[in-house]
């Protein structure tokens, strides 16, 4: 799947010169947690989230600093926090360094961005730089929830065994030369040695995913390769 398959479009946006209070009202009324920020020409210039408004002077949540914390963090960090908690315009609290993607970006790449950059949403822009959508972590979860299993015919025992062994051989974390598989009436028995509980779990999950498998019996033995 690609970004275009799950992105929210059109996107609710805000202007950089709108106020923080107007932004708060917008997030509440539309039940959203973030909004891309556009300039007067409609070009994407930033994004602002509910996290940018957690520390606010209006409600007494701005972060207090003791003298020793002020000394440790430095004046620049404290000034930046002051801006976040007291600014009245969106342009002063928004994030300007953006991670964006195109409508044709595969979801695996967007998932990588979420993990590597520790962010929860990515604006989707066209080749011309126009904002065309937004993909959030929640959108990926929604795609998982609505996914339909592939229609596959149950396999006979011999093909189940062959398919499982082929799958395990493709995985770099397995030690297939130390494993054996027997299949009887759709029941898979796993034999041999694994080097970790995660390898054991992965082998079992690979077996359970094959059409025609009705049960999996785990006879695997964990053997630490570094213990002699």
C-alpha atoms as a PDB file:
ATOM      1  CA  UNK A   1       0.000   0.000   0.000  1.00  0.00           C
ATOM      2  CA  UNK A   2       1.012   3.589  -0.560  1.00  0.00           C
ATOM      3  CA  UNK A   3       0.356   6.880   1.179  1.00  0.00           C
ATOM      4  CA  UNK A   4      -2.444   7.751  -1.247  1.00  0.00           C
ATOM      5  CA  UNK A   5      -4.331   4.621  -0.144  1.00  0.00           C
ATOM      6  CA  UNK A   6      -4.758   5.698   3.492  1.00  0.00           C
ATOM      7  CA  UNK A   7      -4.083   9.438   3.681  1.00  0.00           C
ATOM      8  CA  UNK A   8      -6.635  11.893   5.001  1.00  0.00           C
ATOM      9  CA  UNK A   9      -7.644  14.353   2.279  1.00  0.00           C
ATOM     10  CA  UNK A  10      -8.517  17.179   2.159  1.00  0.00           C
ATOM     11  CA  UNK A  11      -6.578  18.329   5.205  1.00  0.00           C
ATOM     12  CA  UNK A  12      -7.688  20.868   7.786  1.00  0.00           C
ATOM     13  CA  UNK A  13      -4.984  23.522   7.834  1.00  0.00           C
ATOM     14  CA  UNK A  14      -4.185  26.696   9.754  1.00  0.00           C
ATOM     15  CA  UNK A  15      -2.375  29.894   8.826  1.00  0.00           C
ATOM     16  CA  UNK A  16       0.844  30.806  10.559  1.00  0.00           C
ATOM     17  CA  UNK A  17      -0.515  34.169  11.754  1.00  0.00           C
ATOM     18  CA  UNK A  18      -3.585  32.689  13.436  1.00  0.00           C
ATOM     19  CA  UNK A  19      -3.583  32.630  17.222  1.00  0.00           C
ATOM     20  CA  UNK A  20      -2.865  29.728  19.527  1.00  0.00           C
ATOM     21  CA  UNK A  21      -6.335  30.124  21.025  1.00  0.00           C
ATOM     22  CA  UNK A  22      -7.919  29.840  17.563  1.00  0.00           C
ATOM     23  CA  UNK A  23      -5.842  26.724  16.981  1.00  0.00           C
ATOM     24  CA  UNK A  24      -7.017  25.157  20.245  1.00  0.00           C
ATOM     25  CA  UNK A  25     -10.644  25.788  19.285  1.00  0.00           C
ATOM     26  CA  UNK A  26     -10.049  24.245  15.853  1.00  0.00           C
ATOM     27  CA  UNK A  27      -8.473  21.064  17.253  1.00  0.00           C
ATOM     28  CA  UNK A  28     -11.313  20.643  19.722  1.00  0.00           C
ATOM     29  CA  UNK A  29     -14.123  21.312  17.248  1.00  0.00           C
ATOM     30  CA  UNK A  30     -12.737  18.955  14.592  1.00  0.00           C
ATOM     31  CA  UNK A  31     -11.497  16.339  17.060  1.00  0.00           C
ATOM     32  CA  UNK A  32      -7.994  16.300  15.609  1.00  0.00           C
ATOM     33  CA  UNK A  33      -4.609  16.428  17.310  1.00  0.00           C
ATOM     34  CA  UNK A  34      -2.576  18.373  14.758  1.00  0.00           C
ATOM     35  CA  UNK A  35      -2.836  20.655  11.746  1.00  0.00           C
ATOM     36  CA  UNK A  36      -0.425  21.497   8.921  1.00  0.00           C
ATOM     37  CA  UNK A  37       0.457  25.196   8.742  1.00  0.00           C
ATOM     38  CA  UNK A  38       0.325  27.027   5.408  1.00  0.00           C
ATOM     39  CA  UNK A  39       1.376  30.511   4.364  1.00  0.00           C
ATOM     40  CA  UNK A  40      -0.772  33.040   2.536  1.00  0.00           C
ATOM     41  CA  UNK A  41      -0.119  31.281  -0.774  1.00  0.00           C
ATOM     42  CA  UNK A  42      -1.238  27.941   0.635  1.00  0.00           C
ATOM     43  CA  UNK A  43       2.228  26.395   0.721  1.00  0.00           C
ATOM     44  CA  UNK A  44       3.158  24.099   3.577  1.00  0.00           C
ATOM     45  CA  UNK A  45       5.465  25.838   6.055  1.00  0.00           C
ATOM     46  CA  UNK A  46       5.108  23.773   9.209  1.00  0.00           C
ATOM     47  CA  UNK A  47       2.948  21.639  11.435  1.00  0.00           C
ATOM     48  CA  UNK A  48       1.512  22.279  14.883  1.00  0.00           C
ATOM     49  CA  UNK A  49       0.286  19.610  17.290  1.00  0.00           C
ATOM     50  CA  UNK A  50      -1.430  19.376  20.635  1.00  0.00           C
ATOM     51  CA  UNK A  51       1.989  18.596  22.080  1.00  0.00           C
ATOM     52  CA  UNK A  52       3.090  22.127  21.176  1.00  0.00           C
ATOM     53  CA  UNK A  53       0.437  23.483  23.543  1.00  0.00           C
ATOM     54  CA  UNK A  54       0.898  21.326  26.618  1.00  0.00           C
ATOM     55  CA  UNK A  55       3.010  23.903  28.456  1.00  0.00           C
ATOM     56  CA  UNK A  56       0.923  27.071  28.395  1.00  0.00           C
ATOM     57  CA  UNK A  57       0.773  30.073  30.709  1.00  0.00           C
ATOM     58  CA  UNK A  58      -3.003  30.436  30.257  1.00  0.00           C
ATOM     59  CA  UNK A  59      -3.655  27.260  32.224  1.00  0.00           C
ATOM     60  CA  UNK A  60      -0.590  27.256  34.468  1.00  0.00           C
ATOM     61  CA  UNK A  61       1.188  24.326  32.843  1.00  0.00           C
ATOM     62  CA  UNK A  62       4.352  26.149  31.825  1.00  0.00           C
ATOM     63  CA  UNK A  63       7.475  24.406  33.078  1.00  0.00           C
ATOM     64  CA  UNK A  64       9.019  25.948  36.229  1.00  0.00           C
ATOM     65  CA  UNK A  65      12.793  26.174  36.505  1.00  0.00           C
ATOM     66  CA  UNK A  66      14.887  26.138  39.639  1.00  0.00           C
ATOM     67  CA  UNK A  67      18.121  28.100  39.594  1.00  0.00           C
ATOM     68  CA  UNK A  68      20.211  24.944  39.229  1.00  0.00           C
ATOM     69  CA  UNK A  69      18.058  23.640  36.361  1.00  0.00           C
ATOM     70  CA  UNK A  70      18.381  27.015  34.650  1.00  0.00           C
ATOM     71  CA  UNK A  71      22.140  26.799  35.007  1.00  0.00           C
ATOM     72  CA  UNK A  72      22.208  23.217  33.691  1.00  0.00           C
ATOM     73  CA  UNK A  73      19.981  23.764  30.635  1.00  0.00           C
ATOM     74  CA  UNK A  74      21.208  27.191  29.627  1.00  0.00           C
ATOM     75  CA  UNK A  75      19.477  30.386  28.632  1.00  0.00           C
ATOM     76  CA  UNK A  76      18.639  29.317  25.066  1.00  0.00           C
ATOM     77  CA  UNK A  77      16.628  26.277  26.154  1.00  0.00           C
ATOM     78  CA  UNK A  78      14.741  28.280  28.752  1.00  0.00           C
ATOM     79  CA  UNK A  79      13.998  31.023  26.233  1.00  0.00           C
ATOM     80  CA  UNK A  80      12.661  28.414  23.803  1.00  0.00           C
ATOM     81  CA  UNK A  81      10.336  27.072  26.504  1.00  0.00           C
ATOM     82  CA  UNK A  82       9.163  30.607  27.263  1.00  0.00           C
ATOM     83  CA  UNK A  83       8.246  31.084  23.611  1.00  0.00           C
ATOM     84  CA  UNK A  84       6.276  27.821  23.605  1.00  0.00           C
ATOM     85  CA  UNK A  85       4.322  28.732  26.705  1.00  0.00           C
ATOM     86  CA  UNK A  86       3.659  32.434  26.013  1.00  0.00           C
ATOM     87  CA  UNK A  87       3.508  32.891  22.221  1.00  0.00           C
ATOM     88  CA  UNK A  88       0.169  34.031  20.838  1.00  0.00           C
ATOM     89  CA  UNK A  89       0.786  33.182  17.151  1.00  0.00           C
ATOM     90  CA  UNK A  90       0.989  29.728  15.626  1.00  0.00           C
ATOM     91  CA  UNK A  91       4.151  30.648  13.734  1.00  0.00           C
ATOM     92  CA  UNK A  92       6.042  30.886  17.029  1.00  0.00           C
ATOM     93  CA  UNK A  93       5.188  27.400  18.319  1.00  0.00           C
ATOM     94  CA  UNK A  94       4.960  25.311  15.156  1.00  0.00           C
ATOM     95  CA  UNK A  95       7.581  22.857  13.918  1.00  0.00           C
ATOM     96  CA  UNK A  96       9.256  24.132  10.768  1.00  0.00           C
ATOM     97  CA  UNK A  97      11.597  21.222   9.994  1.00  0.00           C
ATOM     98  CA  UNK A  98       9.186  18.823   8.344  1.00  0.00           C
ATOM     99  CA  UNK A  99       9.307  15.232   7.253  1.00  0.00           C
ATOM    100  CA  UNK A 100       7.090  14.914   4.192  1.00  0.00           C
ATOM    101  CA  UNK A 101       6.223  12.182   1.716  1.00  0.00           C
ATOM    102  CA  UNK A 102       4.598  11.917  -1.700  1.00  0.00           C
ATOM    103  CA  UNK A 103       1.298  10.185  -2.482  1.00  0.00           C
ATOM    104  CA  UNK A 104       3.286   7.305  -4.025  1.00  0.00           C
ATOM    105  CA  UNK A 105       5.486   6.729  -0.972  1.00  0.00           C
ATOM    106  CA  UNK A 106       5.120   3.093   0.218  1.00  0.00           C
ATOM    107  CA  UNK A 107       3.707   2.727   3.719  1.00  0.00           C
ATOM    108  CA  UNK A 108       6.816   0.860   4.818  1.00  0.00           C
ATOM    109  CA  UNK A 109       8.844   4.031   4.231  1.00  0.00           C
ATOM    110  CA  UNK A 110       6.354   6.143   6.167  1.00  0.00           C
ATOM    111  CA  UNK A 111       6.481   3.650   9.044  1.00  0.00           C
ATOM    112  CA  UNK A 112      10.283   4.011   8.981  1.00  0.00           C
ATOM    113  CA  UNK A 113       9.923   7.795   9.258  1.00  0.00           C
ATOM    114  CA  UNK A 114       7.594   7.454  12.244  1.00  0.00           C
ATOM    115  CA  UNK A 115      10.100   5.256  14.062  1.00  0.00           C
ATOM    116  CA  UNK A 116      13.313   7.053  13.127  1.00  0.00           C
ATOM    117  CA  UNK A 117      12.057  10.597  13.684  1.00  0.00           C
ATOM    118  CA  UNK A 118       9.758   9.808  16.641  1.00  0.00           C
ATOM    119  CA  UNK A 119       6.817  11.596  15.048  1.00  0.00           C
ATOM    120  CA  UNK A 120       3.146  10.655  14.711  1.00  0.00           C
ATOM    121  CA  UNK A 121       2.135  12.123  11.357  1.00  0.00           C
ATOM    122  CA  UNK A 122       3.570  13.009   7.940  1.00  0.00           C
ATOM    123  CA  UNK A 123       2.189  15.620   5.509  1.00  0.00           C
ATOM    124  CA  UNK A 124       1.762  14.311   1.965  1.00  0.00           C
ATOM    125  CA  UNK A 125       2.798  16.765  -0.756  1.00  0.00           C
ATOM    126  CA  UNK A 126       2.602  16.662  -4.544  1.00  0.00           C
ATOM    127  CA  UNK A 127       5.578  17.093  -6.865  1.00  0.00           C
ATOM    128  CA  UNK A 128       4.690  20.776  -7.058  1.00  0.00           C
ATOM    129  CA  UNK A 129       4.884  21.106  -3.284  1.00  0.00           C
ATOM    130  CA  UNK A 130       1.137  21.365  -2.675  1.00  0.00           C
ATOM    131  CA  UNK A 131      -0.292  19.761   0.437  1.00  0.00           C
ATOM    132  CA  UNK A 132      -2.599  16.939  -0.681  1.00  0.00           C
ATOM    133  CA  UNK A 133      -3.023  14.802   2.426  1.00  0.00           C
ATOM    134  CA  UNK A 134      -1.829  13.681   5.836  1.00  0.00           C
ATOM    135  CA  UNK A 135      -0.865  10.223   7.089  1.00  0.00           C
ATOM    136  CA  UNK A 136      -0.797   9.502  10.816  1.00  0.00           C
ATOM    137  CA  UNK A 137       0.046   6.449  12.879  1.00  0.00           C
ATOM    138  CA  UNK A 138      -3.681   6.053  13.460  1.00  0.00           C
ATOM    139  CA  UNK A 139      -4.253   5.787   9.693  1.00  0.00           C
ATOM    140  CA  UNK A 140      -1.874   2.822   9.509  1.00  0.00           C
ATOM    141  CA  UNK A 141      -3.711   1.140  12.392  1.00  0.00           C
ATOM    142  CA  UNK A 142      -6.992   1.759  10.555  1.00  0.00           C
ATOM    143  CA  UNK A 143      -5.539   0.093   7.461  1.00  0.00           C
ATOM    144  CA  UNK A 144      -4.578  -2.946   9.536  1.00  0.00           C
ATOM    145  CA  UNK A 145      -8.068  -3.130  11.038  1.00  0.00           C
ATOM    146  CA  UNK A 146      -9.732  -3.031   7.617  1.00  0.00           C
ATOM    147  CA  UNK A 147      -7.281  -5.386   5.863  1.00  0.00           C
ATOM    148  CA  UNK A 148      -8.784  -8.514   4.371  1.00  0.00           C
ATOM    149  CA  UNK A 149      -6.915 -11.850   4.430  1.00  0.00           C
ATOM    150  CA  UNK A 150      -5.741 -13.156   1.090  1.00  0.00           C
ATOM    151  CA  UNK A 151      -7.937 -15.887  -0.312  1.00  0.00           C
ATOM    152  CA  UNK A 152      -5.822 -19.033  -0.370  1.00  0.00           C
ATOM    153  CA  UNK A 153      -6.729 -22.667  -0.777  1.00  0.00           C
ATOM    154  CA  UNK A 154      -5.688 -24.931   2.089  1.00  0.00           C
ATOM    155  CA  UNK A 155      -2.548 -26.831   1.181  1.00  0.00           C
ATOM    156  CA  UNK A 156      -1.902 -30.555   1.545  1.00  0.00           C
ATOM    157  CA  UNK A 157       0.582 -31.652   4.207  1.00  0.00           C
ATOM    158  CA  UNK A 158       3.577 -31.996   1.900  1.00  0.00           C
ATOM    159  CA  UNK A 159       3.085 -28.509   0.491  1.00  0.00           C
ATOM    160  CA  UNK A 160       2.589 -27.049   3.962  1.00  0.00           C
ATOM    161  CA  UNK A 161       5.960 -28.489   4.993  1.00  0.00           C
ATOM    162  CA  UNK A 162       7.688 -27.245   1.847  1.00  0.00           C
ATOM    163  CA  UNK A 163       6.138 -23.788   2.135  1.00  0.00           C
ATOM    164  CA  UNK A 164       7.149 -23.451   5.789  1.00  0.00           C
ATOM    165  CA  UNK A 165      10.723 -24.536   5.161  1.00  0.00           C
ATOM    166  CA  UNK A 166      10.998 -22.127   2.231  1.00  0.00           C
ATOM    167  CA  UNK A 167       9.703 -19.303   4.412  1.00  0.00           C
ATOM    168  CA  UNK A 168      12.170 -20.103   7.183  1.00  0.00           C
ATOM    169  CA  UNK A 169      15.075 -20.273   4.736  1.00  0.00           C
ATOM    170  CA  UNK A 170      14.293 -16.725   3.616  1.00  0.00           C
ATOM    171  CA  UNK A 171      14.611 -15.370   7.152  1.00  0.00           C
ATOM    172  CA  UNK A 172      18.060 -14.305   8.297  1.00  0.00           C
ATOM    173  CA  UNK A 173      17.278 -14.967  11.975  1.00  0.00           C
ATOM    174  CA  UNK A 174      16.588 -18.688  11.597  1.00  0.00           C
ATOM    175  CA  UNK A 175      19.000 -21.608  11.731  1.00  0.00           C
ATOM    176  CA  UNK A 176      17.139 -23.948   9.405  1.00  0.00           C
ATOM    177  CA  UNK A 177      19.901 -26.562   9.441  1.00  0.00           C
ATOM    178  CA  UNK A 178      18.978 -27.154  13.098  1.00  0.00           C
ATOM    179  CA  UNK A 179      15.224 -27.420  12.499  1.00  0.00           C
ATOM    180  CA  UNK A 180      12.851 -30.071  11.243  1.00  0.00           C
ATOM    181  CA  UNK A 181       9.159 -29.976  10.442  1.00  0.00           C
ATOM    182  CA  UNK A 182       6.591 -32.758  10.196  1.00  0.00           C
ATOM    183  CA  UNK A 183       2.981 -32.246   9.100  1.00  0.00           C
ATOM    184  CA  UNK A 184       0.087 -34.646   9.636  1.00  0.00           C
ATOM    185  CA  UNK A 185      -3.497 -33.756   8.734  1.00  0.00           C
ATOM    186  CA  UNK A 186      -2.665 -30.045   8.916  1.00  0.00           C
ATOM    187  CA  UNK A 187      -0.976 -30.349  12.322  1.00  0.00           C
ATOM    188  CA  UNK A 188       2.593 -29.042  12.279  1.00  0.00           C
ATOM    189  CA  UNK A 189       5.187 -30.397  14.681  1.00  0.00           C
ATOM    190  CA  UNK A 190       8.321 -28.309  15.094  1.00  0.00           C
ATOM    191  CA  UNK A 191      11.534 -30.109  16.051  1.00  0.00           C
ATOM    192  CA  UNK A 192      15.121 -29.093  16.607  1.00  0.00           C
ATOM    193  CA  UNK A 193      17.020 -26.303  18.322  1.00  0.00           C
ATOM    194  CA  UNK A 194      16.655 -22.521  18.502  1.00  0.00           C
ATOM    195  CA  UNK A 195      19.011 -19.945  19.968  1.00  0.00           C
ATOM    196  CA  UNK A 196      16.411 -17.601  21.490  1.00  0.00           C
ATOM    197  CA  UNK A 197      12.789 -17.372  22.560  1.00  0.00           C
ATOM    198  CA  UNK A 198      12.187 -14.878  19.751  1.00  0.00           C
ATOM    199  CA  UNK A 199      13.455 -17.357  17.175  1.00  0.00           C
ATOM    200  CA  UNK A 200      11.109 -19.963  18.654  1.00  0.00           C
ATOM    201  CA  UNK A 201       8.205 -17.513  18.472  1.00  0.00           C
ATOM    202  CA  UNK A 202       9.061 -16.529  14.896  1.00  0.00           C
ATOM    203  CA  UNK A 203       9.151 -20.162  13.725  1.00  0.00           C
ATOM    204  CA  UNK A 204       5.774 -20.836  15.335  1.00  0.00           C
ATOM    205  CA  UNK A 205       4.203 -17.729  13.796  1.00  0.00           C
ATOM    206  CA  UNK A 206       5.550 -18.659  10.351  1.00  0.00           C
ATOM    207  CA  UNK A 207       3.857 -22.056  10.684  1.00  0.00           C
ATOM    208  CA  UNK A 208       0.553 -20.643  11.909  1.00  0.00           C
ATOM    209  CA  UNK A 209       0.348 -18.282   8.915  1.00  0.00           C
ATOM    210  CA  UNK A 210       0.289 -21.044   6.293  1.00  0.00           C
ATOM    211  CA  UNK A 211      -3.150 -21.932   4.858  1.00  0.00           C
ATOM    212  CA  UNK A 212      -4.252 -25.391   5.925  1.00  0.00           C
ATOM    213  CA  UNK A 213      -2.409 -25.420   9.258  1.00  0.00           C
ATOM    214  CA  UNK A 214      -4.856 -26.323  12.019  1.00  0.00           C
ATOM    215  CA  UNK A 215      -2.452 -26.558  14.955  1.00  0.00           C
ATOM    216  CA  UNK A 216       1.240 -26.179  15.774  1.00  0.00           C
ATOM    217  CA  UNK A 217       3.059 -28.333  18.322  1.00  0.00           C
ATOM    218  CA  UNK A 218       6.289 -26.774  19.555  1.00  0.00           C
ATOM    219  CA  UNK A 219       8.948 -29.344  20.497  1.00  0.00           C
ATOM    220  CA  UNK A 220      11.810 -26.915  19.934  1.00  0.00           C
ATOM    221  CA  UNK A 221      14.650 -26.815  22.432  1.00  0.00           C
ATOM    222  CA  UNK A 222      16.434 -23.599  23.247  1.00  0.00           C
ATOM    223  CA  UNK A 223      20.180 -24.018  23.137  1.00  0.00           C
ATOM    224  CA  UNK A 224      22.463 -21.085  23.882  1.00  0.00           C
ATOM    225  CA  UNK A 225      25.333 -21.281  21.354  1.00  0.00           C
ATOM    226  CA  UNK A 226      27.711 -19.550  23.796  1.00  0.00           C
ATOM    227  CA  UNK A 227      27.273 -22.066  26.586  1.00  0.00           C
ATOM    228  CA  UNK A 228      29.479 -25.116  26.419  1.00  0.00           C
END
